[in-house]
Protein backbone atom coordinates (compact mmCIF):
# COMPACT_ATOMS: atom_id res chain seq x y z
CA MET A 1 -1.30 -64.59 -21.74
CA PRO A 2 -2.78 -64.28 -25.33
CA ARG A 3 -2.50 -60.97 -27.56
CA THR A 4 -5.58 -58.73 -26.06
CA PRO A 5 -6.80 -56.44 -28.95
CA GLN A 6 -5.55 -53.14 -28.93
CA GLN A 7 -7.40 -50.54 -26.50
CA ALA A 8 -6.95 -46.62 -27.06
CA PHE A 9 -7.50 -43.98 -23.94
CA ALA A 10 -8.10 -40.45 -24.09
CA THR A 11 -8.57 -37.33 -21.37
CA ALA A 12 -9.89 -33.96 -21.82
CA PRO A 13 -7.60 -30.85 -21.28
CA SER A 14 -8.46 -30.80 -17.81
CA GLY A 15 -9.40 -34.42 -17.46
CA TYR A 16 -8.09 -37.32 -15.52
CA GLN A 17 -8.06 -41.13 -15.91
CA ARG A 18 -7.21 -44.27 -13.95
CA LEU A 19 -6.71 -47.23 -15.58
CA GLN A 20 -6.42 -50.87 -14.27
CA LEU A 21 -4.52 -53.32 -17.28
CA PRO A 22 -4.87 -56.72 -17.81
CA ASP A 23 -1.56 -57.62 -15.84
CA ASN A 24 -2.93 -55.23 -12.57
CA SER A 25 -0.06 -52.27 -13.99
CA LEU A 26 -1.96 -49.00 -13.06
CA VAL A 27 -1.83 -46.26 -15.62
CA GLN A 28 -2.73 -42.85 -14.57
CA LEU A 29 -3.55 -40.24 -17.41
CA ASN A 30 -3.13 -36.34 -17.03
CA GLY A 31 -5.35 -33.74 -19.29
CA ALA A 32 -4.67 -34.20 -22.54
CA THR A 33 -3.53 -37.49 -23.05
CA ALA A 34 -3.81 -40.10 -25.77
CA LEU A 35 -2.02 -43.62 -25.42
CA THR A 36 -2.88 -46.96 -26.40
CA VAL A 37 -2.38 -50.50 -24.81
CA GLU A 38 -1.64 -53.66 -26.29
CA PHE A 39 -0.39 -57.12 -24.84
CA SER A 40 1.48 -59.71 -26.27
CA ARG A 41 3.01 -63.39 -24.97
CA ALA A 42 6.37 -61.57 -25.87
CA GLU A 43 5.60 -57.59 -24.50
CA ARG A 44 3.22 -55.66 -22.39
CA ARG A 45 3.00 -52.34 -24.97
CA VAL A 46 1.74 -48.88 -24.24
CA ALA A 47 1.94 -46.04 -26.76
CA LEU A 48 2.14 -42.66 -25.47
CA ALA A 49 0.71 -40.20 -28.28
CA GLU A 50 0.87 -37.00 -26.58
CA GLY A 51 0.55 -35.71 -22.91
CA GLU A 52 1.52 -37.54 -19.80
CA ALA A 53 1.20 -40.53 -17.71
CA HIS A 54 2.20 -42.42 -15.01
CA PHE A 55 3.00 -46.37 -14.65
CA SER A 56 2.79 -48.46 -12.19
CA VAL A 57 4.27 -51.54 -13.42
CA ALA A 58 3.13 -55.27 -12.20
CA LYS A 59 6.13 -57.46 -11.79
CA ASP A 60 6.55 -59.93 -14.99
CA THR A 61 10.68 -60.90 -16.09
CA VAL A 62 9.15 -62.55 -18.98
CA ARG A 63 7.38 -59.67 -20.35
CA PRO A 64 9.07 -56.20 -20.50
CA PHE A 65 6.56 -53.24 -20.16
CA VAL A 66 7.24 -50.88 -22.78
CA VAL A 67 6.15 -47.39 -23.17
CA GLN A 68 6.94 -46.47 -26.69
CA ALA A 69 7.11 -42.24 -26.99
CA ARG A 70 7.51 -41.17 -30.50
CA ARG A 71 11.21 -42.34 -31.02
CA ILE A 72 11.91 -43.10 -27.64
CA ARG A 73 11.59 -46.50 -25.94
CA VAL A 74 11.31 -46.65 -21.81
CA CYS A 75 11.60 -50.26 -20.75
CA ALA A 76 10.66 -51.81 -17.44
CA VAL A 77 9.72 -55.01 -15.65
CA GLY A 78 8.39 -53.97 -12.22
CA THR A 79 8.80 -50.07 -11.54
CA ALA A 80 6.79 -47.17 -11.39
CA PHE A 81 7.93 -43.91 -13.69
CA ASN A 82 6.46 -41.16 -15.17
CA VAL A 83 6.67 -39.95 -19.02
CA ARG A 84 5.90 -36.63 -20.14
CA LEU A 85 5.84 -35.67 -24.11
CA THR A 86 7.57 -32.12 -24.54
CA ASP A 87 7.77 -30.10 -27.76
CA THR A 88 11.38 -31.48 -28.33
CA GLY A 89 11.59 -35.09 -26.28
CA VAL A 90 10.43 -36.75 -23.69
CA ASP A 91 10.74 -36.47 -19.79
CA VAL A 92 11.07 -39.26 -17.70
CA LEU A 93 10.94 -39.70 -14.08
CA VAL A 94 11.65 -42.97 -11.79
CA THR A 95 9.69 -43.26 -8.73
CA GLU A 96 10.36 -46.87 -8.28
CA GLY A 97 12.69 -49.21 -9.70
CA ILE A 98 15.06 -49.31 -12.33
CA VAL A 99 13.93 -48.02 -16.07
CA ARG A 100 16.02 -48.43 -19.63
CA ILE A 101 15.25 -45.39 -22.13
CA GLU A 102 16.71 -46.49 -25.62
CA ARG A 103 16.56 -44.45 -28.66
CA PRO A 104 17.54 -45.56 -32.05
CA ALA A 105 20.63 -45.87 -33.62
CA ASP A 106 22.00 -44.39 -30.18
CA PRO A 107 25.87 -45.51 -30.12
CA ALA A 108 25.93 -44.78 -26.54
CA GLY A 109 23.37 -47.25 -25.85
CA PRO A 110 20.77 -47.33 -23.34
CA ILE A 111 20.13 -44.86 -20.51
CA VAL A 112 19.40 -46.27 -16.99
CA LEU A 113 17.65 -44.38 -14.27
CA ALA A 114 16.94 -45.50 -10.89
CA ALA A 115 14.49 -44.40 -8.44
CA ASN A 116 14.18 -40.59 -8.02
CA GLU A 117 15.87 -39.80 -10.89
CA ARG A 118 15.03 -37.71 -13.90
CA THR A 119 16.15 -36.75 -17.28
CA THR A 120 14.56 -35.68 -20.82
CA VAL A 121 15.70 -37.55 -23.64
CA SER A 122 15.63 -35.60 -27.45
CA ASP A 123 13.82 -37.28 -29.99
CA GLN A 124 15.12 -35.34 -32.77
CA PRO A 125 16.72 -38.09 -35.54
CA GLU A 126 20.29 -36.35 -34.38
CA PRO A 127 20.47 -35.29 -30.97
CA SER A 128 22.94 -32.74 -30.07
CA ALA A 129 24.05 -33.48 -26.73
CA ALA A 130 23.81 -36.37 -24.11
CA PRO A 131 20.63 -36.52 -21.68
CA VAL A 132 21.15 -34.94 -18.18
CA ILE A 133 20.67 -37.47 -15.15
CA GLU A 134 19.40 -35.44 -12.33
CA ARG A 135 18.65 -36.73 -8.72
CA VAL A 136 15.15 -35.47 -7.44
CA GLU A 137 14.59 -34.87 -4.43
CA PRO A 138 10.97 -36.20 -2.75
CA ALA A 139 9.17 -32.22 -2.52
CA ALA A 140 10.08 -32.21 -5.88
CA ILE A 141 8.67 -35.31 -6.83
CA ARG A 142 5.38 -34.59 -5.44
CA ALA A 143 4.79 -31.24 -7.24
CA VAL A 144 5.63 -33.20 -10.23
CA LEU A 145 3.24 -35.77 -9.92
CA ALA A 146 0.88 -33.13 -8.03
CA TRP A 147 -1.53 -33.86 -11.19
CA GLN A 148 -2.37 -37.26 -9.63
CA GLU A 149 -4.72 -35.77 -7.30
CA PRO A 150 -8.28 -35.98 -9.28
CA GLN A 151 -10.53 -33.37 -8.72
CA PHE A 152 -13.91 -32.58 -8.85
CA ILE A 153 -14.86 -30.19 -11.66
CA PHE A 154 -18.79 -28.98 -10.99
CA VAL A 155 -20.55 -27.23 -14.20
CA GLU A 156 -23.76 -26.08 -13.12
CA SER A 157 -24.32 -29.09 -11.02
CA PRO A 158 -27.23 -29.07 -8.54
CA LEU A 159 -25.96 -28.68 -4.66
CA GLY A 160 -27.18 -31.94 -3.49
CA GLU A 161 -25.56 -34.12 -5.60
CA VAL A 162 -22.13 -31.94 -5.02
CA ILE A 163 -22.51 -32.73 -1.47
CA GLY A 164 -22.99 -36.33 -2.20
CA ARG A 165 -19.48 -36.56 -4.08
CA PHE A 166 -17.98 -34.57 -0.86
CA ASN A 167 -19.66 -36.35 1.79
CA ALA A 168 -18.52 -39.84 0.16
CA ARG A 169 -14.55 -38.95 0.40
CA ASN A 170 -14.65 -36.72 3.67
CA ARG A 171 -15.26 -37.65 7.18
CA VAL A 172 -17.05 -34.23 8.54
CA GLN A 173 -20.43 -34.62 6.16
CA LEU A 174 -22.43 -31.81 4.57
CA VAL A 175 -25.87 -31.74 5.25
CA LEU A 176 -28.64 -29.49 3.46
CA GLY A 177 -30.60 -27.68 6.40
CA ASP A 178 -33.02 -26.51 3.77
CA ALA A 179 -34.50 -28.85 1.44
CA THR A 180 -34.78 -26.31 -1.31
CA LEU A 181 -30.94 -25.58 -1.48
CA ALA A 182 -30.59 -28.93 -2.93
CA ALA A 183 -31.59 -27.98 -6.65
CA ARG A 184 -29.43 -24.70 -6.31
CA MET A 185 -26.44 -24.69 -9.31
CA VAL A 186 -22.59 -24.49 -8.55
CA GLY A 187 -19.94 -24.99 -10.53
CA GLY A 188 -16.04 -24.72 -10.02
CA THR A 189 -12.96 -27.31 -9.51
CA PHE A 190 -11.80 -28.65 -5.57
CA ARG A 191 -9.70 -31.49 -4.86
CA PRO A 192 -11.84 -34.10 -2.82
CA ASP A 193 -10.53 -33.11 0.52
CA ASP A 194 -10.68 -29.64 0.12
CA VAL A 195 -14.14 -29.21 1.83
CA GLU A 196 -13.36 -26.06 3.61
CA MET A 197 -12.54 -24.21 0.09
CA PHE A 198 -16.14 -25.33 -0.99
CA LEU A 199 -17.97 -23.97 1.99
CA ARG A 200 -15.69 -20.43 1.90
CA LEU A 201 -17.27 -20.39 -1.78
CA LEU A 202 -20.69 -21.13 -0.60
CA GLU A 203 -20.33 -18.76 2.18
CA GLY A 204 -19.31 -16.02 0.20
CA SER A 205 -22.27 -16.04 -2.19
CA GLY A 206 -24.11 -14.49 0.55
CA GLU A 207 -26.75 -17.15 0.17
CA ILE A 208 -26.02 -19.81 2.48
CA THR A 209 -24.82 -19.70 6.09
CA LEU A 210 -23.32 -22.77 7.88
CA ASP A 211 -23.85 -24.52 11.16
CA ARG A 212 -20.53 -25.93 12.73
CA SER A 213 -22.14 -26.87 16.00
CA ASP A 214 -21.56 -30.42 15.49
CA PRO A 215 -17.44 -31.15 14.99
CA THR A 216 -18.72 -34.58 12.40
CA ARG A 217 -20.84 -32.40 10.27
CA VAL A 218 -21.27 -28.67 8.65
CA VAL A 219 -25.33 -28.14 8.32
CA LEU A 220 -26.08 -25.44 5.43
CA HIS A 221 -28.89 -23.01 5.73
CA ARG A 222 -30.27 -20.47 3.47
CA ALA A 223 -29.47 -17.24 4.09
CA PRO A 224 -32.07 -14.92 5.99
């Protein structure tokens, strides 16, 4: 693959973005994250300037996948791992395969992490101690990566539009029993699969009642 132009991506503090790279690798950006992507014939390179990102790397034994996080290089061929910048270092969690972490002029050599292992590597010019590698249980991994669950963020959005977003992601459909409710403005942050929280918010306002007589749909009516 020839060199690709450098591309820059960034998310807002409460944002989330999912990218598919030219080699079919997948990158998920947490909020307040900035990175650049540049591919050449010899290397697939991502520079993480701030924030946190998870990488699911397409296998390519000829061109390693390198995440440059300040002074730290995280190298993989085909694996999945999470990189987060901290105040003093770089936190790396491997969820699949193996990665190699390199620090400039480190006499101890590269650090190798396998699946379900995590470490925080100092990016200071002269780190005081060797990084500690810890084994991470699946439940803890899910907690660390909970940010990957995208959220619906509504700011003064018409109820009709909001319902359409929920209906596209859920089996139980929301229906407006009163067409005038479509223009009612709502706001909040919700998980796409958490329809119940959204309905509790509407019902708690005292302005909307819910008809649940049909298990496949919920009809919204204006309260009398």
